[in-house]
Amino acid sequence: NSLTYGQDESGQTLSFRWDYIMIFTGLTFLKGGGTGTTGLLNNMRSLLWIKIQQYTTRSIQIKLFTHLHRQVYLPKIIYVWAHGETLHT
């Protein structure tokens, strides 16, 4: 095999396969491996999704705020929210 020093049956000198190690290291860097790492590809994906996540979170918050303020029971809803009780209508 390629990890054995010396010559194989055909008389060729065998050597350590650094190319396999470098390919594995490069792919692990892209994927993220080891303790506490997330990888380059995952970080790039997160960076590209920040604007989308912020937009959706903000639009949902605005829709909820608008919906709550259009309710007849707004003072009751605020009281329940502030005191952690249940709303009985």
PDB file of N, CA and C in Angstrom:
ATOM      1  N   ASN A   1       0.836  -1.182   0.000  1.00  0.00           N
ATOM      2  CA  ASN A   1       0.000   0.000   0.000  1.00  0.00           C
ATOM      3  C   ASN A   1       0.876   1.238   0.000  1.00  0.00           C
ATOM      4  N   SER A   2       0.249   2.405  -0.110  1.00  0.00           N
ATOM      5  CA  SER A   2       1.037   3.629  -0.266  1.00  0.00           C
ATOM      6  C   SER A   2       1.643   4.126   1.035  1.00  0.00           C
ATOM      7  N   LEU A   3       1.310   3.515   2.159  1.00  0.00           N
ATOM      8  CA  LEU A   3       1.887   3.936   3.429  1.00  0.00           C
ATOM      9  C   LEU A   3       3.107   3.110   3.818  1.00  0.00           C
ATOM     10  N   THR A   4       3.445   2.098   3.049  1.00  0.00           N
ATOM     11  CA  THR A   4       4.581   1.236   3.346  1.00  0.00           C
ATOM     12  C   THR A   4       5.828   1.801   2.668  1.00  0.00           C
ATOM     13  N   TYR A   5       6.898   1.939   3.443  1.00  0.00           N
ATOM     14  CA  TYR A   5       8.145   2.426   2.876  1.00  0.00           C
ATOM     15  C   TYR A   5       8.858   1.292   2.154  1.00  0.00           C
ATOM     16  N   GLY A   6       9.648   1.676   1.216  1.00  0.00           N
ATOM     17  CA  GLY A   6      10.400   0.679   0.464  1.00  0.00           C
ATOM     18  C   GLY A   6       9.812   0.520  -0.931  1.00  0.00           C
ATOM     19  N   GLN A   7       9.996  -0.652  -1.504  1.00  0.00           N
ATOM     20  CA  GLN A   7       9.527  -0.894  -2.857  1.00  0.00           C
ATOM     21  C   GLN A   7       8.401  -1.914  -2.836  1.00  0.00           C
ATOM     22  N   ASP A   8       7.476  -1.744  -3.802  1.00  0.00           N
ATOM     23  CA  ASP A   8       6.391  -2.721  -3.918  1.00  0.00           C
ATOM     24  C   ASP A   8       6.817  -3.840  -4.852  1.00  0.00           C
ATOM     25  N   GLU A   9       5.877  -4.703  -5.250  1.00  0.00           N
ATOM     26  CA  GLU A   9       6.195  -5.865  -6.087  1.00  0.00           C
ATOM     27  C   GLU A   9       6.747  -5.474  -7.451  1.00  0.00           C
ATOM     28  N   SER A  10       6.327  -4.330  -7.979  1.00  0.00           N
ATOM     29  CA  SER A  10       6.794  -3.931  -9.310  1.00  0.00           C
ATOM     30  C   SER A  10       8.135  -3.198  -9.263  1.00  0.00           C
ATOM     31  N   GLY A  11       8.669  -2.979  -8.077  1.00  0.00           N
ATOM     32  CA  GLY A  11       9.973  -2.340  -7.966  1.00  0.00           C
ATOM     33  C   GLY A  11       9.905  -0.830  -7.827  1.00  0.00           C
ATOM     34  N   GLN A  12       8.703  -0.257  -7.762  1.00  0.00           N
ATOM     35  CA  GLN A  12       8.581   1.195  -7.616  1.00  0.00           C
ATOM     36  C   GLN A  12       8.652   1.579  -6.136  1.00  0.00           C
ATOM     37  N   THR A  13       9.254   2.725  -5.893  1.00  0.00           N
ATOM     38  CA  THR A  13       9.352   3.219  -4.523  1.00  0.00           C
ATOM     39  C   THR A  13       8.020   3.843  -4.125  1.00  0.00           C
ATOM     40  N   LEU A  14       7.535   3.419  -2.981  1.00  0.00           N
ATOM     41  CA  LEU A  14       6.266   3.944  -2.489  1.00  0.00           C
ATOM     42  C   LEU A  14       6.510   5.186  -1.642  1.00  0.00           C
ATOM     43  N   SER A  15       5.589   6.115  -1.706  1.00  0.00           N
ATOM     44  CA  SER A  15       5.746   7.350  -0.933  1.00  0.00           C
ATOM     45  C   SER A  15       4.439   7.692  -0.221  1.00  0.00           C
ATOM     46  N   PHE A  16       4.571   8.547   0.746  1.00  0.00           N
ATOM     47  CA  PHE A  16       3.411   8.976   1.525  1.00  0.00           C
ATOM     48  C   PHE A  16       2.543   9.892   0.670  1.00  0.00           C
ATOM     49  N   ARG A  17       1.236   9.738   0.722  1.00  0.00           N
ATOM     50  CA  ARG A  17       0.313  10.491  -0.129  1.00  0.00           C
ATOM     51  C   ARG A  17      -0.097  11.800   0.530  1.00  0.00           C
ATOM     52  N   TRP A  18       0.703  12.843   0.363  1.00  0.00           N
ATOM     53  CA  TRP A  18       0.396  14.158   0.904  1.00  0.00           C
ATOM     54  C   TRP A  18      -0.796  14.785   0.197  1.00  0.00           C
ATOM     55  N   ASP A  19      -0.998  14.427  -1.066  1.00  0.00           N
ATOM     56  CA  ASP A  19      -2.112  15.021  -1.809  1.00  0.00           C
ATOM     57  C   ASP A  19      -3.458  14.636  -1.192  1.00  0.00           C
ATOM     58  N   TYR A  20      -3.580  13.394  -0.732  1.00  0.00           N
ATOM     59  CA  TYR A  20      -4.824  12.975  -0.079  1.00  0.00           C
ATOM     60  C   TYR A  20      -5.051  13.745   1.220  1.00  0.00           C
ATOM     61  N   ILE A  21      -3.994  13.959   1.957  1.00  0.00           N
ATOM     62  CA  ILE A  21      -4.105  14.690   3.218  1.00  0.00           C
ATOM     63  C   ILE A  21      -4.498  16.141   2.957  1.00  0.00           C
ATOM     64  N   MET A  22      -3.909  16.761   1.950  1.00  0.00           N
ATOM     65  CA  MET A  22      -4.229  18.152   1.639  1.00  0.00           C
ATOM     66  C   MET A  22      -5.665  18.291   1.128  1.00  0.00           C
ATOM     67  N   ILE A  23      -6.123  17.355   0.313  1.00  0.00           N
ATOM     68  CA  ILE A  23      -7.510  17.386  -0.168  1.00  0.00           C
ATOM     69  C   ILE A  23      -8.470  17.221   1.002  1.00  0.00           C
ATOM     70  N   PHE A  24      -8.187  16.278   1.883  1.00  0.00           N
ATOM     71  CA  PHE A  24      -9.038  16.062   3.053  1.00  0.00           C
ATOM     72  C   PHE A  24      -9.064  17.294   3.955  1.00  0.00           C
ATOM     73  N   THR A  25      -7.897  17.899   4.167  1.00  0.00           N
ATOM     74  CA  THR A  25      -7.815  19.091   5.009  1.00  0.00           C
ATOM     75  C   THR A  25      -8.591  20.252   4.392  1.00  0.00           C
ATOM     76  N   GLY A  26      -8.474  20.429   3.089  1.00  0.00           N
ATOM     77  CA  GLY A  26      -9.204  21.502   2.410  1.00  0.00           C
ATOM     78  C   GLY A  26     -10.707  21.315   2.479  1.00  0.00           C
ATOM     79  N   LEU A  27     -11.163  20.092   2.237  1.00  0.00           N
ATOM     80  CA  LEU A  27     -12.602  19.823   2.306  1.00  0.00           C
ATOM     81  C   LEU A  27     -13.131  19.962   3.733  1.00  0.00           C
ATOM     82  N   THR A  28     -12.339  19.555   4.714  1.00  0.00           N
ATOM     83  CA  THR A  28     -12.747  19.705   6.112  1.00  0.00           C
ATOM     84  C   THR A  28     -12.835  21.180   6.486  1.00  0.00           C
ATOM     85  N   PHE A  29     -11.922  21.994   5.968  1.00  0.00           N
ATOM     86  CA  PHE A  29     -11.968  23.432   6.221  1.00  0.00           C
ATOM     87  C   PHE A  29     -13.235  24.040   5.634  1.00  0.00           C
ATOM     88  N   LEU A  30     -13.611  23.622   4.433  1.00  0.00           N
ATOM     89  CA  LEU A  30     -14.826  24.150   3.814  1.00  0.00           C
ATOM     90  C   LEU A  30     -16.079  23.695   4.550  1.00  0.00           C
ATOM     91  N   LYS A  31     -16.112  22.422   4.925  1.00  0.00           N
ATOM     92  CA  LYS A  31     -17.286  21.846   5.589  1.00  0.00           C
ATOM     93  C   LYS A  31     -17.369  22.278   7.035  1.00  0.00           C
ATOM     94  N   GLY A  32     -16.260  22.360   7.680  1.00  0.00           N
ATOM     95  CA  GLY A  32     -16.226  22.656   9.107  1.00  0.00           C
ATOM     96  C   GLY A  32     -16.116  21.369   9.878  1.00  0.00           C
ATOM     97  N   GLY A  33     -15.087  21.224  10.587  1.00  0.00           N
ATOM     98  CA  GLY A  33     -14.883  20.023  11.373  1.00  0.00           C
ATOM     99  C   GLY A  33     -14.024  20.346  12.569  1.00  0.00           C
ATOM    100  N   GLY A  34     -14.024  19.480  13.501  1.00  0.00           N
ATOM    101  CA  GLY A  34     -13.240  19.729  14.695  1.00  0.00           C
ATOM    102  C   GLY A  34     -14.076  20.408  15.758  1.00  0.00           C
ATOM    103  N   THR A  35     -13.425  20.806  16.800  1.00  0.00           N
ATOM    104  CA  THR A  35     -14.120  21.371  17.952  1.00  0.00           C
ATOM    105  C   THR A  35     -14.370  22.857  17.760  1.00  0.00           C
ATOM    106  N   GLY A  36     -15.624  23.256  17.811  1.00  0.00           N
ATOM    107  CA  GLY A  36     -15.980  24.665  17.791  1.00  0.00           C
ATOM    108  C   GLY A  36     -15.896  25.360  16.454  1.00  0.00           C
ATOM    109  N   THR A  37     -15.780  24.639  15.355  1.00  0.00           N
ATOM    110  CA  THR A  37     -15.720  25.288  14.053  1.00  0.00           C
ATOM    111  C   THR A  37     -16.992  25.011  13.280  1.00  0.00           C
ATOM    112  N   THR A  38     -17.409  25.983  12.479  1.00  0.00           N
ATOM    113  CA  THR A  38     -18.602  25.795  11.668  1.00  0.00           C
ATOM    114  C   THR A  38     -18.281  25.695  10.190  1.00  0.00           C
ATOM    115  N   GLY A  39     -17.124  26.061   9.781  1.00  0.00           N
ATOM    116  CA  GLY A  39     -16.732  25.909   8.396  1.00  0.00           C
ATOM    117  C   GLY A  39     -17.002  27.148   7.565  1.00  0.00           C
ATOM    118  N   LEU A  40     -16.244  27.288   6.513  1.00  0.00           N
ATOM    119  CA  LEU A  40     -16.338  28.449   5.640  1.00  0.00           C
ATOM    120  C   LEU A  40     -17.671  28.487   4.908  1.00  0.00           C
ATOM    121  N   LEU A  41     -18.124  27.362   4.374  1.00  0.00           N
ATOM    122  CA  LEU A  41     -19.376  27.344   3.621  1.00  0.00           C
ATOM    123  C   LEU A  41     -20.569  27.686   4.504  1.00  0.00           C
ATOM    124  N   ASN A  42     -20.601  27.165   5.706  1.00  0.00           N
ATOM    125  CA  ASN A  42     -21.699  27.461   6.622  1.00  0.00           C
ATOM    126  C   ASN A  42     -21.690  28.931   7.027  1.00  0.00           C
ATOM    127  N   ASN A  43     -20.511  29.493   7.244  1.00  0.00           N
ATOM    128  CA  ASN A  43     -20.416  30.914   7.582  1.00  0.00           C
ATOM    129  C   ASN A  43     -20.871  31.790   6.423  1.00  0.00           C
ATOM    130  N   MET A  44     -20.513  31.433   5.211  1.00  0.00           N
ATOM    131  CA  MET A  44     -20.949  32.203   4.040  1.00  0.00           C
ATOM    132  C   MET A  44     -22.463  32.130   3.875  1.00  0.00           C
ATOM    133  N   ARG A  45     -23.035  30.950   4.096  1.00  0.00           N
ATOM    134  CA  ARG A  45     -24.489  30.791   3.993  1.00  0.00           C
ATOM    135  C   ARG A  45     -25.187  31.649   5.037  1.00  0.00           C
ATOM    136  N   SER A  46     -24.672  31.636   6.251  1.00  0.00           N
ATOM    137  CA  SER A  46     -25.266  32.447   7.317  1.00  0.00           C
ATOM    138  C   SER A  46     -25.175  33.932   6.989  1.00  0.00           C
ATOM    139  N   LEU A  47     -24.056  34.353   6.453  1.00  0.00           N
ATOM    140  CA  LEU A  47     -23.871  35.753   6.102  1.00  0.00           C
ATOM    141  C   LEU A  47     -24.848  36.185   5.015  1.00  0.00           C
ATOM    142  N   LEU A  48     -25.079  35.318   4.033  1.00  0.00           N
ATOM    143  CA  LEU A  48     -25.996  35.658   2.950  1.00  0.00           C
ATOM    144  C   LEU A  48     -27.454  35.668   3.403  1.00  0.00           C
ATOM    145  N   TRP A  49     -27.798  34.921   4.441  1.00  0.00           N
ATOM    146  CA  TRP A  49     -29.184  34.832   4.898  1.00  0.00           C
ATOM    147  C   TRP A  49     -29.538  35.876   5.944  1.00  0.00           C
ATOM    148  N   ILE A  50     -28.600  36.676   6.423  1.00  0.00           N
ATOM    149  CA  ILE A  50     -28.881  37.635   7.492  1.00  0.00           C
ATOM    150  C   ILE A  50     -29.972  38.618   7.076  1.00  0.00           C
ATOM    151  N   LYS A  51     -29.860  39.211   5.900  1.00  0.00           N
ATOM    152  CA  LYS A  51     -30.851  40.194   5.446  1.00  0.00           C
ATOM    153  C   LYS A  51     -32.236  39.573   5.318  1.00  0.00           C
ATOM    154  N   ILE A  52     -32.307  38.348   4.809  1.00  0.00           N
ATOM    155  CA  ILE A  52     -33.599  37.675   4.649  1.00  0.00           C
ATOM    156  C   ILE A  52     -34.217  37.397   6.011  1.00  0.00           C
ATOM    157  N   GLN A  53     -33.424  36.926   6.952  1.00  0.00           N
ATOM    158  CA  GLN A  53     -33.936  36.646   8.296  1.00  0.00           C
ATOM    159  C   GLN A  53     -34.410  37.919   8.979  1.00  0.00           C
ATOM    160  N   GLN A  54     -33.658  38.999   8.832  1.00  0.00           N
ATOM    161  CA  GLN A  54     -34.058  40.258   9.451  1.00  0.00           C
ATOM    162  C   GLN A  54     -35.354  40.778   8.840  1.00  0.00           C
ATOM    163  N   TYR A  55     -35.480  40.670   7.519  1.00  0.00           N
ATOM    164  CA  TYR A  55     -36.688  41.150   6.848  1.00  0.00           C
ATOM    165  C   TYR A  55     -37.915  40.355   7.294  1.00  0.00           C
ATOM    166  N   THR A  56     -37.808  39.028   7.321  1.00  0.00           N
ATOM    167  CA  THR A  56     -38.966  38.220   7.708  1.00  0.00           C
ATOM    168  C   THR A  56     -39.329  38.443   9.167  1.00  0.00           C
ATOM    169  N   THR A  57     -38.353  38.521  10.044  1.00  0.00           N
ATOM    170  CA  THR A  57     -38.644  38.762  11.456  1.00  0.00           C
ATOM    171  C   THR A  57     -39.338  40.104  11.641  1.00  0.00           C
ATOM    172  N   ARG A  58     -38.826  41.120  10.981  1.00  0.00           N
ATOM    173  CA  ARG A  58     -39.435  42.449  11.112  1.00  0.00           C
ATOM    174  C   ARG A  58     -40.843  42.475  10.537  1.00  0.00           C
ATOM    175  N   SER A  59     -41.068  41.868   9.390  1.00  0.00           N
ATOM    176  CA  SER A  59     -42.412  41.889   8.800  1.00  0.00           C
ATOM    177  C   SER A  59     -43.416  41.130   9.669  1.00  0.00           C
ATOM    178  N   ILE A  60     -43.002  40.027  10.265  1.00  0.00           N
ATOM    179  CA  ILE A  60     -43.898  39.284  11.161  1.00  0.00           C
ATOM    180  C   ILE A  60     -44.203  40.110  12.406  1.00  0.00           C
ATOM    181  N   GLN A  61     -43.207  40.786  12.951  1.00  0.00           N
ATOM    182  CA  GLN A  61     -43.433  41.620  14.130  1.00  0.00           C
ATOM    183  C   GLN A  61     -44.394  42.765  13.824  1.00  0.00           C
ATOM    184  N   ILE A  62     -44.243  43.382  12.664  1.00  0.00           N
ATOM    185  CA  ILE A  62     -45.128  44.486  12.287  1.00  0.00           C
ATOM    186  C   ILE A  62     -46.550  43.988  12.079  1.00  0.00           C
ATOM    187  N   LYS A  63     -46.704  42.833  11.432  1.00  0.00           N
ATOM    188  CA  LYS A  63     -48.048  42.276  11.229  1.00  0.00           C
ATOM    189  C   LYS A  63     -48.707  41.924  12.556  1.00  0.00           C
ATOM    190  N   LEU A  64     -47.956  41.359  13.486  1.00  0.00           N
ATOM    191  CA  LEU A  64     -48.502  41.034  14.804  1.00  0.00           C
ATOM    192  C   LEU A  64     -48.877  42.302  15.561  1.00  0.00           C
ATOM    193  N   PHE A  65     -48.018  43.307  15.518  1.00  0.00           N
ATOM    194  CA  PHE A  65     -48.295  44.576  16.179  1.00  0.00           C
ATOM    195  C   PHE A  65     -49.560  45.212  15.615  1.00  0.00           C
ATOM    196  N   THR A  66     -49.694  45.237  14.291  1.00  0.00           N
ATOM    197  CA  THR A  66     -50.881  45.800  13.645  1.00  0.00           C
ATOM    198  C   THR A  66     -52.125  45.008  14.009  1.00  0.00           C
ATOM    199  N   HIS A  67     -52.026  43.705  13.995  1.00  0.00           N
ATOM    200  CA  HIS A  67     -53.166  42.848  14.329  1.00  0.00           C
ATOM    201  C   HIS A  67     -53.625  43.084  15.763  1.00  0.00           C
ATOM    202  N   LEU A  68     -52.690  43.157  16.697  1.00  0.00           N
ATOM    203  CA  LEU A  68     -53.058  43.368  18.093  1.00  0.00           C
ATOM    204  C   LEU A  68     -53.707  44.729  18.315  1.00  0.00           C
ATOM    205  N   HIS A  69     -53.232  45.746  17.628  1.00  0.00           N
ATOM    206  CA  HIS A  69     -53.790  47.078  17.827  1.00  0.00           C
ATOM    207  C   HIS A  69     -55.140  47.259  17.148  1.00  0.00           C
ATOM    208  N   ARG A  70     -55.518  46.378  16.284  1.00  0.00           N
ATOM    209  CA  ARG A  70     -56.845  46.433  15.665  1.00  0.00           C
ATOM    210  C   ARG A  70     -57.885  45.663  16.467  1.00  0.00           C
ATOM    211  N   GLN A  71     -57.467  44.996  17.498  1.00  0.00           N
ATOM    212  CA  GLN A  71     -58.389  44.201  18.306  1.00  0.00           C
ATOM    213  C   GLN A  71     -59.215  45.092  19.228  1.00  0.00           C
ATOM    214  N   VAL A  72     -60.438  44.651  19.507  1.00  0.00           N
ATOM    215  CA  VAL A  72     -61.321  45.357  20.433  1.00  0.00           C
ATOM    216  C   VAL A  72     -60.803  45.189  21.856  1.00  0.00           C
ATOM    217  N   TYR A  73     -60.204  44.052  22.126  1.00  0.00           N
ATOM    218  CA  TYR A  73     -59.770  43.715  23.474  1.00  0.00           C
ATOM    219  C   TYR A  73     -58.329  44.132  23.753  1.00  0.00           C
ATOM    220  N   LEU A  74     -57.843  45.167  23.101  1.00  0.00           N
ATOM    221  CA  LEU A  74     -56.439  45.552  23.258  1.00  0.00           C
ATOM    222  C   LEU A  74     -56.048  45.819  24.716  1.00  0.00           C
ATOM    223  N   PRO A  75     -56.803  46.581  25.493  1.00  0.00           N
ATOM    224  CA  PRO A  75     -56.389  46.780  26.894  1.00  0.00           C
ATOM    225  C   PRO A  75     -56.323  45.474  27.678  1.00  0.00           C
ATOM    226  N   LYS A  76     -57.256  44.575  27.406  1.00  0.00           N
ATOM    227  CA  LYS A  76     -57.255  43.284  28.090  1.00  0.00           C
ATOM    228  C   LYS A  76     -56.041  42.447  27.666  1.00  0.00           C
ATOM    229  N   ILE A  77     -55.712  42.489  26.377  1.00  0.00           N
ATOM    230  CA  ILE A  77     -54.566  41.739  25.854  1.00  0.00           C
ATOM    231  C   ILE A  77     -53.272  42.257  26.484  1.00  0.00           C
ATOM    232  N   ILE A  78     -53.138  43.575  26.580  1.00  0.00           N
ATOM    233  CA  ILE A  78     -51.934  44.153  27.182  1.00  0.00           C
ATOM    234  C   ILE A  78     -51.831  43.768  28.655  1.00  0.00           C
ATOM    235  N   TYR A  79     -52.960  43.781  29.367  1.00  0.00           N
ATOM    236  CA  TYR A  79     -52.955  43.395  30.775  1.00  0.00           C
ATOM    237  C   TYR A  79     -52.521  41.937  30.940  1.00  0.00           C
ATOM    238  N   VAL A  80     -53.083  41.061  30.104  1.00  0.00           N
ATOM    239  CA  VAL A  80     -52.746  39.636  30.175  1.00  0.00           C
ATOM    240  C   VAL A  80     -51.274  39.427  29.856  1.00  0.00           C
ATOM    241  N   TRP A  81     -50.789  40.122  28.848  1.00  0.00           N
ATOM    242  CA  TRP A  81     -49.390  39.991  28.444  1.00  0.00           C
ATOM    243  C   TRP A  81     -48.456  40.477  29.557  1.00  0.00           C
ATOM    244  N   ALA A  82     -48.825  41.577  30.215  1.00  0.00           N
ATOM    245  CA  ALA A  82     -47.972  42.147  31.255  1.00  0.00           C
ATOM    246  C   ALA A  82     -47.978  41.303  32.528  1.00  0.00           C
ATOM    247  N   HIS A  83     -49.095  40.638  32.818  1.00  0.00           N
ATOM    248  CA  HIS A  83     -49.210  39.899  34.072  1.00  0.00           C
ATOM    249  C   HIS A  83     -49.077  38.389  33.901  1.00  0.00           C
ATOM    250  N   GLY A  84     -48.971  37.918  32.683  1.00  0.00           N
ATOM    251  CA  GLY A  84     -48.772  36.495  32.442  1.00  0.00           C
ATOM    252  C   GLY A  84     -49.982  35.646  32.765  1.00  0.00           C
ATOM    253  N   GLU A  85     -51.160  36.194  32.597  1.00  0.00           N
ATOM    254  CA  GLU A  85     -52.388  35.451  32.862  1.00  0.00           C
ATOM    255  C   GLU A  85     -52.966  34.931  31.560  1.00  0.00           C
ATOM    256  N   THR A  86     -54.106  34.242  31.657  1.00  0.00           N
ATOM    257  CA  THR A  86     -54.784  33.756  30.456  1.00  0.00           C
ATOM    258  C   THR A  86     -55.930  34.689  30.117  1.00  0.00           C
ATOM    259  N   LEU A  87     -56.246  34.762  28.846  1.00  0.00           N
ATOM    260  CA  LEU A  87     -57.293  35.652  28.355  1.00  0.00           C
ATOM    261  C   LEU A  87     -58.578  34.871  28.194  1.00  0.00           C
ATOM    262  N   HIS A  88     -59.637  35.309  28.873  1.00  0.00           N
ATOM    263  CA  HIS A  88     -60.956  34.690  28.754  1.00  0.00           C
ATOM    264  C   HIS A  88     -61.886  35.701  28.111  1.00  0.00           C
ATOM    265  N   THR A  89     -62.310  35.419  26.891  1.00  0.00           N
ATOM    266  CA  THR A  89     -63.211  36.352  26.205  1.00  0.00           C
ATOM    267  C   THR A  89     -64.613  35.830  26.166  1.00  0.00           C
TER     268      THR A  89
END
